[in-house]
Amino acid sequence: MLNENIKIIRKSKGFSQEELAIKLNVVRQTISKWEQGLSVPDADMLISISEVFETPVSTLLGETVVETKADDLKAISEKLEIINLQLAHRKVTRRKTIHWLFISLCAVIVAIFAVLIILNSPYLGWDYSHPETAVSGVMFHAFEWLFVRVAPPALIGSIVGVCLTRKKV
């Protein structure tokens, strides 16, 4: 059982007998004897083998080890490929969404500027003697004042965002 497990795990880890012997500071013939069942490693050597294989000693001693089949590796690699494609698709979709959000923000800012230019600050001609008109005029003036100061940096940032998120050829 131990000899079979050492051989199976060594092969599944991709080690040759020579490579394993170098890692354990023994000669290749020692590994060969262990795998043929002609001798067994002592307790300290079992611990060293388990560390090299990154496998518990109990697996080396008694639990049956199943060889990894090429079909299993192929199935795993196909699943990983599918996951990678999904992640790439998600990344492209996210980039496109952000790109169009930046374009939309630019359009909204330009549209609001156009409306403000067309209205030509109507609150200046309002009758502030009526409370409703006074409140509306002050609110409109505050919005315009704030928008004119915040919109240009936001527009520049949006244009930069559009440029950074465009599809690269």
C-alpha atoms as a PDB file:
ATOM      1  CA  MET A   1       0.000   0.000   0.000  1.00  0.00           C
ATOM      2  CA  LEU A   2       2.750   2.498   0.971  1.00  0.00           C
ATOM      3  CA  ASN A   3       4.829   1.605  -2.080  1.00  0.00           C
ATOM      4  CA  GLU A   4       1.869   2.101  -4.430  1.00  0.00           C
ATOM      5  CA  ASN A   5       0.899   5.393  -2.798  1.00  0.00           C
ATOM      6  CA  ILE A   6       4.428   6.796  -3.066  1.00  0.00           C
ATOM      7  CA  LYS A   7       4.566   5.871  -6.731  1.00  0.00           C
ATOM      8  CA  ILE A   8       1.101   7.211  -7.572  1.00  0.00           C
ATOM      9  CA  ILE A   9       1.598  10.506  -5.727  1.00  0.00           C
ATOM     10  CA  ARG A  10       5.099  10.968  -7.169  1.00  0.00           C
ATOM     11  CA  LYS A  11       3.754  10.570 -10.688  1.00  0.00           C
ATOM     12  CA  SER A  12       0.723  12.792 -10.062  1.00  0.00           C
ATOM     13  CA  LYS A  13       3.037  15.538  -8.766  1.00  0.00           C
ATOM     14  CA  GLY A  14       5.165  15.156 -11.882  1.00  0.00           C
ATOM     15  CA  PHE A  15       8.363  14.069 -10.118  1.00  0.00           C
ATOM     16  CA  SER A  16      10.757  11.535 -11.531  1.00  0.00           C
ATOM     17  CA  GLN A  17      12.445   9.139  -9.108  1.00  0.00           C
ATOM     18  CA  GLU A  18      15.636  11.162  -9.513  1.00  0.00           C
ATOM     19  CA  GLU A  19      13.906  14.474  -8.700  1.00  0.00           C
ATOM     20  CA  LEU A  20      12.241  13.013  -5.614  1.00  0.00           C
ATOM     21  CA  ALA A  21      15.546  11.495  -4.492  1.00  0.00           C
ATOM     22  CA  ILE A  22      17.236  14.909  -4.753  1.00  0.00           C
ATOM     23  CA  LYS A  23      14.464  16.588  -2.730  1.00  0.00           C
ATOM     24  CA  LEU A  24      14.751  13.913  -0.008  1.00  0.00           C
ATOM     25  CA  ASN A  25      18.576  13.713  -0.065  1.00  0.00           C
ATOM     26  CA  VAL A  26      18.626  10.014  -0.916  1.00  0.00           C
ATOM     27  CA  VAL A  27      19.776   8.055  -3.963  1.00  0.00           C
ATOM     28  CA  ARG A  28      17.380   7.147  -6.764  1.00  0.00           C
ATOM     29  CA  GLN A  29      17.695   3.448  -5.959  1.00  0.00           C
ATOM     30  CA  THR A  30      16.182   4.106  -2.522  1.00  0.00           C
ATOM     31  CA  ILE A  31      13.054   5.573  -4.146  1.00  0.00           C
ATOM     32  CA  SER A  32      12.928   2.585  -6.497  1.00  0.00           C
ATOM     33  CA  LYS A  33      13.136   0.142  -3.563  1.00  0.00           C
ATOM     34  CA  TRP A  34      10.321   1.984  -1.726  1.00  0.00           C
ATOM     35  CA  GLU A  35       8.102   1.855  -4.814  1.00  0.00           C
ATOM     36  CA  GLN A  36       8.826  -1.836  -5.400  1.00  0.00           C
ATOM     37  CA  GLY A  37       8.089  -2.639  -1.752  1.00  0.00           C
ATOM     38  CA  LEU A  38      11.608  -3.959  -1.105  1.00  0.00           C
ATOM     39  CA  SER A  39      12.134  -1.470   1.742  1.00  0.00           C
ATOM     40  CA  VAL A  40      10.185   1.171   3.627  1.00  0.00           C
ATOM     41  CA  PRO A  41      11.146   4.681   4.717  1.00  0.00           C
ATOM     42  CA  ASP A  42      11.559   5.366   8.439  1.00  0.00           C
ATOM     43  CA  ALA A  43       9.240   7.746  10.343  1.00  0.00           C
ATOM     44  CA  ASP A  44      11.371  10.852   9.761  1.00  0.00           C
ATOM     45  CA  MET A  45      11.600  10.077   6.067  1.00  0.00           C
ATOM     46  CA  LEU A  46       7.802   9.568   5.871  1.00  0.00           C
ATOM     47  CA  ILE A  47       7.348  13.068   7.271  1.00  0.00           C
ATOM     48  CA  SER A  48       9.818  14.430   4.709  1.00  0.00           C
ATOM     49  CA  ILE A  49       8.015  12.624   1.887  1.00  0.00           C
ATOM     50  CA  SER A  50       4.656  13.982   3.027  1.00  0.00           C
ATOM     51  CA  GLU A  51       6.094  17.519   3.091  1.00  0.00           C
ATOM     52  CA  VAL A  52       7.535  17.187  -0.417  1.00  0.00           C
ATOM     53  CA  PHE A  53       4.258  15.750  -1.709  1.00  0.00           C
ATOM     54  CA  GLU A  54       2.170  18.200   0.379  1.00  0.00           C
ATOM     55  CA  THR A  55       0.128  15.193   1.437  1.00  0.00           C
ATOM     56  CA  PRO A  56      -0.724  13.891   4.917  1.00  0.00           C
ATOM     57  CA  VAL A  57       1.281  10.908   6.196  1.00  0.00           C
ATOM     58  CA  SER A  58      -1.996   9.023   6.665  1.00  0.00           C
ATOM     59  CA  THR A  59      -2.534   9.179   2.914  1.00  0.00           C
ATOM     60  CA  LEU A  60       0.926   7.734   2.336  1.00  0.00           C
ATOM     61  CA  LEU A  61       0.355   4.933   4.842  1.00  0.00           C
ATOM     62  CA  GLY A  62      -3.109   3.710   4.192  1.00  0.00           C
ATOM     63  CA  GLU A  63      -5.634   5.757   2.350  1.00  0.00           C
ATOM     64  CA  THR A  64      -5.993   4.653  -1.219  1.00  0.00           C
ATOM     65  CA  VAL A  65      -4.787   7.264  -3.674  1.00  0.00           C
ATOM     66  CA  VAL A  66      -6.606   7.551  -6.957  1.00  0.00           C
ATOM     67  CA  GLU A  67      -4.532   8.574  -9.946  1.00  0.00           C
ATOM     68  CA  THR A  68      -5.579  11.779 -11.628  1.00  0.00           C
ATOM     69  CA  LYS A  69      -6.809  10.878 -15.043  1.00  0.00           C
ATOM     70  CA  ALA A  70      -6.110  12.928 -18.142  1.00  0.00           C
ATOM     71  CA  ASP A  71      -9.877  13.166 -18.718  1.00  0.00           C
ATOM     72  CA  ASP A  72     -10.338  14.758 -15.290  1.00  0.00           C
ATOM     73  CA  LEU A  73      -7.623  17.300 -16.044  1.00  0.00           C
ATOM     74  CA  LYS A  74      -9.167  17.993 -19.427  1.00  0.00           C
ATOM     75  CA  ALA A  75     -12.590  18.556 -17.849  1.00  0.00           C
ATOM     76  CA  ILE A  76     -11.097  20.884 -15.257  1.00  0.00           C
ATOM     77  CA  SER A  77      -9.209  22.845 -17.908  1.00  0.00           C
ATOM     78  CA  GLU A  78     -12.388  23.174 -19.989  1.00  0.00           C
ATOM     79  CA  LYS A  79     -14.293  24.491 -16.961  1.00  0.00           C
ATOM     80  CA  LEU A  80     -11.504  26.974 -16.244  1.00  0.00           C
ATOM     81  CA  GLU A  81     -11.570  28.108 -19.862  1.00  0.00           C
ATOM     82  CA  ILE A  82     -15.324  28.692 -19.651  1.00  0.00           C
ATOM     83  CA  ILE A  83     -14.901  30.661 -16.427  1.00  0.00           C
ATOM     84  CA  ASN A  84     -12.143  32.771 -18.004  1.00  0.00           C
ATOM     85  CA  LEU A  85     -14.370  33.522 -20.998  1.00  0.00           C
ATOM     86  CA  GLN A  86     -17.229  34.513 -18.694  1.00  0.00           C
ATOM     87  CA  LEU A  87     -14.957  36.812 -16.697  1.00  0.00           C
ATOM     88  CA  ALA A  88     -13.623  38.403 -19.892  1.00  0.00           C
ATOM     89  CA  HIS A  89     -17.191  38.921 -21.156  1.00  0.00           C
ATOM     90  CA  ARG A  90     -18.210  40.468 -17.826  1.00  0.00           C
ATOM     91  CA  LYS A  91     -15.225  42.813 -17.958  1.00  0.00           C
ATOM     92  CA  VAL A  92     -16.096  43.953 -21.502  1.00  0.00           C
ATOM     93  CA  THR A  93     -19.744  44.459 -20.529  1.00  0.00           C
ATOM     94  CA  ARG A  94     -18.772  46.485 -17.461  1.00  0.00           C
ATOM     95  CA  ARG A  95     -16.413  48.643 -19.555  1.00  0.00           C
ATOM     96  CA  LYS A  96     -19.140  49.296 -22.137  1.00  0.00           C
ATOM     97  CA  THR A  97     -21.652  50.199 -19.430  1.00  0.00           C
ATOM     98  CA  ILE A  98     -19.272  52.669 -17.803  1.00  0.00           C
ATOM     99  CA  HIS A  99     -18.394  54.085 -21.236  1.00  0.00           C
ATOM    100  CA  TRP A 100     -22.063  54.786 -22.011  1.00  0.00           C
ATOM    101  CA  LEU A 101     -22.656  56.239 -18.546  1.00  0.00           C
ATOM    102  CA  PHE A 102     -19.865  58.755 -19.200  1.00  0.00           C
ATOM    103  CA  ILE A 103     -21.355  59.594 -22.602  1.00  0.00           C
ATOM    104  CA  SER A 104     -24.787  60.045 -20.996  1.00  0.00           C
ATOM    105  CA  LEU A 105     -23.354  62.314 -18.292  1.00  0.00           C
ATOM    106  CA  CYS A 106     -21.702  64.474 -20.975  1.00  0.00           C
ATOM    107  CA  ALA A 107     -25.006  64.719 -22.862  1.00  0.00           C
ATOM    108  CA  VAL A 108     -26.952  65.662 -19.717  1.00  0.00           C
ATOM    109  CA  ILE A 109     -24.444  68.349 -18.747  1.00  0.00           C
ATOM    110  CA  VAL A 110     -24.472  69.855 -22.256  1.00  0.00           C
ATOM    111  CA  ALA A 111     -28.285  69.750 -22.341  1.00  0.00           C
ATOM    112  CA  ILE A 112     -28.598  71.530 -18.986  1.00  0.00           C
ATOM    113  CA  PHE A 113     -26.111  74.187 -20.137  1.00  0.00           C
ATOM    114  CA  ALA A 114     -28.182  74.668 -23.311  1.00  0.00           C
ATOM    115  CA  VAL A 115     -31.385  75.076 -21.274  1.00  0.00           C
ATOM    116  CA  LEU A 116     -29.700  77.603 -18.962  1.00  0.00           C
ATOM    117  CA  ILE A 117     -28.423  79.596 -21.935  1.00  0.00           C
ATOM    118  CA  ILE A 118     -31.827  79.582 -23.625  1.00  0.00           C
ATOM    119  CA  LEU A 119     -33.605  80.656 -20.404  1.00  0.00           C
ATOM    120  CA  ASN A 120     -31.042  83.438 -19.902  1.00  0.00           C
ATOM    121  CA  SER A 121     -31.329  83.523 -16.087  1.00  0.00           C
ATOM    122  CA  PRO A 122     -35.100  84.091 -15.852  1.00  0.00           C
ATOM    123  CA  TYR A 123     -34.991  84.533 -12.082  1.00  0.00           C
ATOM    124  CA  LEU A 124     -33.496  88.014 -12.567  1.00  0.00           C
ATOM    125  CA  GLY A 125     -36.814  89.288 -13.969  1.00  0.00           C
ATOM    126  CA  TRP A 126     -39.022  87.584 -11.393  1.00  0.00           C
ATOM    127  CA  ASP A 127     -41.199  89.422  -8.943  1.00  0.00           C
ATOM    128  CA  TYR A 128     -39.646  88.715  -5.555  1.00  0.00           C
ATOM    129  CA  SER A 129     -42.501  90.367  -3.660  1.00  0.00           C
ATOM    130  CA  HIS A 130     -44.531  87.160  -3.810  1.00  0.00           C
ATOM    131  CA  PRO A 131     -43.160  84.442  -1.489  1.00  0.00           C
ATOM    132  CA  GLU A 132     -43.646  81.585  -4.013  1.00  0.00           C
ATOM    133  CA  THR A 133     -41.809  83.429  -6.752  1.00  0.00           C
ATOM    134  CA  ALA A 134     -39.070  84.552  -4.385  1.00  0.00           C
ATOM    135  CA  VAL A 135     -38.414  81.010  -3.173  1.00  0.00           C
ATOM    136  CA  SER A 136     -38.474  79.645  -6.734  1.00  0.00           C
ATOM    137  CA  GLY A 137     -36.128  82.376  -7.940  1.00  0.00           C
ATOM    138  CA  VAL A 138     -33.655  81.769  -5.121  1.00  0.00           C
ATOM    139  CA  MET A 139     -33.734  77.996  -5.699  1.00  0.00           C
ATOM    140  CA  PHE A 140     -33.221  78.401  -9.446  1.00  0.00           C
ATOM    141  CA  HIS A 141     -30.420  80.892  -8.869  1.00  0.00           C
ATOM    142  CA  ALA A 142     -28.733  78.536  -6.373  1.00  0.00           C
ATOM    143  CA  PHE A 143     -29.015  75.621  -8.806  1.00  0.00           C
ATOM    144  CA  GLU A 144     -27.597  77.664 -11.676  1.00  0.00           C
ATOM    145  CA  TRP A 145     -24.782  79.049  -9.530  1.00  0.00           C
ATOM    146  CA  LEU A 146     -23.817  75.578  -8.266  1.00  0.00           C
ATOM    147  CA  PHE A 147     -24.218  73.918 -11.675  1.00  0.00           C
ATOM    148  CA  VAL A 148     -22.033  76.481 -13.474  1.00  0.00           C
ATOM    149  CA  ARG A 149     -19.224  75.809 -10.979  1.00  0.00           C
ATOM    150  CA  VAL A 150     -19.522  72.023 -10.764  1.00  0.00           C
ATOM    151  CA  ALA A 151     -20.450  71.098 -14.354  1.00  0.00           C
ATOM    152  CA  PRO A 152     -17.222  72.061 -16.193  1.00  0.00           C
ATOM    153  CA  PRO A 153     -14.953  69.790 -14.103  1.00  0.00           C
ATOM    154  CA  ALA A 154     -17.614  67.055 -14.297  1.00  0.00           C
ATOM    155  CA  LEU A 155     -17.801  67.467 -18.083  1.00  0.00           C
ATOM    156  CA  ILE A 156     -14.019  67.301 -18.412  1.00  0.00           C
ATOM    157  CA  GLY A 157     -13.922  64.228 -16.158  1.00  0.00           C
ATOM    158  CA  SER A 158     -16.665  62.575 -18.223  1.00  0.00           C
ATOM    159  CA  ILE A 159     -14.838  63.268 -21.479  1.00  0.00           C
ATOM    160  CA  VAL A 160     -11.662  61.767 -19.999  1.00  0.00           C
ATOM    161  CA  GLY A 161     -13.719  58.781 -18.819  1.00  0.00           C
ATOM    162  CA  VAL A 162     -15.165  58.308 -22.322  1.00  0.00           C
ATOM    163  CA  CYS A 163     -11.651  58.354 -23.772  1.00  0.00           C
ATOM    164  CA  LEU A 164     -10.282  55.910 -21.188  1.00  0.00           C
ATOM    165  CA  THR A 165     -13.123  53.407 -21.526  1.00  0.00           C
ATOM    166  CA  ARG A 166     -13.392  53.369 -25.324  1.00  0.00           C
ATOM    167  CA  LYS A 167     -12.678  50.106 -27.106  1.00  0.00           C
ATOM    168  CA  LYS A 168      -9.030  49.757 -27.862  1.00  0.00           C
ATOM    169  CA  VAL A 169      -8.127  48.412 -31.299  1.00  0.00           C
END
